[in-house]
Amino acid sequence: MSEKELYQQKRRAQLDEWRAEADKLKAKTSGASADVQLEMRKQIKVLEGKLDEGKAKLSELADAGDEAWDSIKGGVESAWDSLKTGFSDAARKFKE
């Protein structure tokens, strides 16, 4: 397996993990007050947007030739950093 394929596999697995985490956060909203539910749903919507961005970056990476993937990798890393921060922030808000 090439380095590109391994990288894609790792990122897909992380994306799946984050998608499952977003689903868990959605489930937690049902027991909260209306105001808290609104804030939680807002945070989840932001996370879902970031997940879609990550998925798009992975598609872009998959479509790139082996010689161009290094340049695209930077965009993927940036999207992943944003996702990671978003999940950390949302998780912290859900615990408050």
C-alpha atoms as a PDB file:
ATOM      1  CA  MET A   1       0.000   0.000   0.000  1.00  0.00           C
ATOM      2  CA  SER A   2       1.360   3.427  -0.917  1.00  0.00           C
ATOM      3  CA  GLU A   3       1.933   6.238   1.536  1.00  0.00           C
ATOM      4  CA  LYS A   4      -0.977   8.111  -0.031  1.00  0.00           C
ATOM      5  CA  GLU A   5      -3.330   5.155   0.430  1.00  0.00           C
ATOM      6  CA  LEU A   6      -2.271   4.674   4.045  1.00  0.00           C
ATOM      7  CA  TYR A   7      -2.773   8.366   4.724  1.00  0.00           C
ATOM      8  CA  GLN A   8      -6.252   8.287   3.162  1.00  0.00           C
ATOM      9  CA  GLN A   9      -7.194   5.194   5.147  1.00  0.00           C
ATOM     10  CA  LYS A  10      -6.089   6.834   8.396  1.00  0.00           C
ATOM     11  CA  ARG A  11      -8.022  10.012   7.647  1.00  0.00           C
ATOM     12  CA  ARG A  12     -11.174   8.111   6.619  1.00  0.00           C
ATOM     13  CA  ALA A  13     -11.073   6.178   9.891  1.00  0.00           C
ATOM     14  CA  GLN A  14     -10.718   9.431  11.862  1.00  0.00           C
ATOM     15  CA  LEU A  15     -13.566  10.986   9.883  1.00  0.00           C
ATOM     16  CA  ASP A  16     -15.779   7.979  10.663  1.00  0.00           C
ATOM     17  CA  GLU A  17     -14.869   8.255  14.344  1.00  0.00           C
ATOM     18  CA  TRP A  18     -15.758  11.948  14.389  1.00  0.00           C
ATOM     19  CA  ARG A  19     -19.030  11.279  12.554  1.00  0.00           C
ATOM     20  CA  ALA A  20     -19.949   8.720  15.247  1.00  0.00           C
ATOM     21  CA  GLU A  21     -19.023  11.238  17.939  1.00  0.00           C
ATOM     22  CA  ALA A  22     -21.262  13.861  16.312  1.00  0.00           C
ATOM     23  CA  ASP A  23     -24.108  11.328  16.324  1.00  0.00           C
ATOM     24  CA  LYS A  24     -23.529  10.708  20.045  1.00  0.00           C
ATOM     25  CA  LEU A  25     -23.616  14.438  20.712  1.00  0.00           C
ATOM     26  CA  LYS A  26     -26.909  14.685  18.806  1.00  0.00           C
ATOM     27  CA  ALA A  27     -28.366  11.975  21.002  1.00  0.00           C
ATOM     28  CA  LYS A  28     -27.370  13.908  24.131  1.00  0.00           C
ATOM     29  CA  THR A  29     -29.385  16.953  23.074  1.00  0.00           C
ATOM     30  CA  SER A  30     -32.754  15.290  23.680  1.00  0.00           C
ATOM     31  CA  GLY A  31     -32.523  15.476  27.459  1.00  0.00           C
ATOM     32  CA  ALA A  32     -31.423  19.109  27.637  1.00  0.00           C
ATOM     33  CA  SER A  33     -33.472  22.255  28.137  1.00  0.00           C
ATOM     34  CA  ALA A  34     -34.686  24.130  25.063  1.00  0.00           C
ATOM     35  CA  ASP A  35     -31.977  26.796  25.301  1.00  0.00           C
ATOM     36  CA  VAL A  36     -29.259  24.217  25.725  1.00  0.00           C
ATOM     37  CA  GLN A  37     -30.672  22.167  22.856  1.00  0.00           C
ATOM     38  CA  LEU A  38     -30.481  25.189  20.554  1.00  0.00           C
ATOM     39  CA  GLU A  39     -26.846  25.807  21.444  1.00  0.00           C
ATOM     40  CA  MET A  40     -25.963  22.121  21.120  1.00  0.00           C
ATOM     41  CA  ARG A  41     -27.650  21.863  17.727  1.00  0.00           C
ATOM     42  CA  LYS A  42     -25.787  24.948  16.582  1.00  0.00           C
ATOM     43  CA  GLN A  43     -22.484  23.350  17.611  1.00  0.00           C
ATOM     44  CA  ILE A  44     -23.409  20.075  15.912  1.00  0.00           C
ATOM     45  CA  LYS A  45     -24.278  21.907  12.704  1.00  0.00           C
ATOM     46  CA  VAL A  46     -20.837  23.539  12.742  1.00  0.00           C
ATOM     47  CA  LEU A  47     -19.215  20.140  13.315  1.00  0.00           C
ATOM     48  CA  GLU A  48     -21.185  18.565  10.495  1.00  0.00           C
ATOM     49  CA  GLY A  49     -20.024  21.344   8.184  1.00  0.00           C
ATOM     50  CA  LYS A  50     -16.444  20.619   9.170  1.00  0.00           C
ATOM     51  CA  LEU A  51     -17.012  16.886   8.599  1.00  0.00           C
ATOM     52  CA  ASP A  52     -18.303  17.659   5.109  1.00  0.00           C
ATOM     53  CA  GLU A  53     -15.233  19.809   4.512  1.00  0.00           C
ATOM     54  CA  GLY A  54     -12.992  16.943   5.618  1.00  0.00           C
ATOM     55  CA  LYS A  55     -14.827  14.528   3.336  1.00  0.00           C
ATOM     56  CA  ALA A  56     -14.407  16.925   0.416  1.00  0.00           C
ATOM     57  CA  LYS A  57     -10.687  17.242   1.118  1.00  0.00           C
ATOM     58  CA  LEU A  58     -10.363  13.454   1.155  1.00  0.00           C
ATOM     59  CA  SER A  59     -12.134  13.260  -2.204  1.00  0.00           C
ATOM     60  CA  GLU A  60      -9.790  15.896  -3.569  1.00  0.00           C
ATOM     61  CA  LEU A  61      -6.852  13.901  -2.283  1.00  0.00           C
ATOM     62  CA  ALA A  62      -8.187  10.667  -3.793  1.00  0.00           C
ATOM     63  CA  ASP A  63      -8.545  12.358  -7.185  1.00  0.00           C
ATOM     64  CA  ALA A  64      -5.009  13.768  -7.088  1.00  0.00           C
ATOM     65  CA  GLY A  65      -2.225  11.969  -8.815  1.00  0.00           C
ATOM     66  CA  ASP A  66       0.489  10.379  -6.726  1.00  0.00           C
ATOM     67  CA  GLU A  67       2.884  13.190  -7.589  1.00  0.00           C
ATOM     68  CA  ALA A  68       0.437  15.973  -6.582  1.00  0.00           C
ATOM     69  CA  TRP A  69      -0.857  14.532  -3.330  1.00  0.00           C
ATOM     70  CA  ASP A  70       1.878  16.104  -1.210  1.00  0.00           C
ATOM     71  CA  SER A  71       0.678  19.583  -2.142  1.00  0.00           C
ATOM     72  CA  ILE A  72      -2.958  18.693  -1.407  1.00  0.00           C
ATOM     73  CA  LYS A  73      -1.985  17.040   1.874  1.00  0.00           C
ATOM     74  CA  GLY A  74      -1.445  20.500   3.412  1.00  0.00           C
ATOM     75  CA  GLY A  75      -5.096  21.404   2.796  1.00  0.00           C
ATOM     76  CA  VAL A  76      -6.214  18.132   4.302  1.00  0.00           C
ATOM     77  CA  GLU A  77      -4.045  18.732   7.374  1.00  0.00           C
ATOM     78  CA  SER A  78      -5.546  22.206   7.773  1.00  0.00           C
ATOM     79  CA  ALA A  79      -9.083  20.802   7.556  1.00  0.00           C
ATOM     80  CA  TRP A  80      -8.172  18.114  10.108  1.00  0.00           C
ATOM     81  CA  ASP A  81      -6.771  20.661  12.531  1.00  0.00           C
ATOM     82  CA  SER A  82     -10.005  22.620  12.225  1.00  0.00           C
ATOM     83  CA  LEU A  83     -12.083  19.471  12.796  1.00  0.00           C
ATOM     84  CA  LYS A  84     -10.042  18.461  15.802  1.00  0.00           C
ATOM     85  CA  THR A  85     -10.409  21.918  17.335  1.00  0.00           C
ATOM     86  CA  GLY A  86     -14.134  21.937  16.567  1.00  0.00           C
ATOM     87  CA  PHE A  87     -14.684  18.619  18.270  1.00  0.00           C
ATOM     88  CA  SER A  88     -12.646  19.641  21.298  1.00  0.00           C
ATOM     89  CA  ASP A  89     -14.614  22.880  21.615  1.00  0.00           C
ATOM     90  CA  ALA A  90     -17.968  21.151  21.166  1.00  0.00           C
ATOM     91  CA  ALA A  91     -17.126  18.411  23.641  1.00  0.00           C
ATOM     92  CA  ARG A  92     -16.138  21.017  26.206  1.00  0.00           C
ATOM     93  CA  LYS A  93     -19.398  22.931  25.662  1.00  0.00           C
ATOM     94  CA  PHE A  94     -21.452  19.759  25.969  1.00  0.00           C
ATOM     95  CA  LYS A  95     -19.850  19.074  29.354  1.00  0.00           C
ATOM     96  CA  GLU A  96     -20.694  22.544  30.671  1.00  0.00           C
END
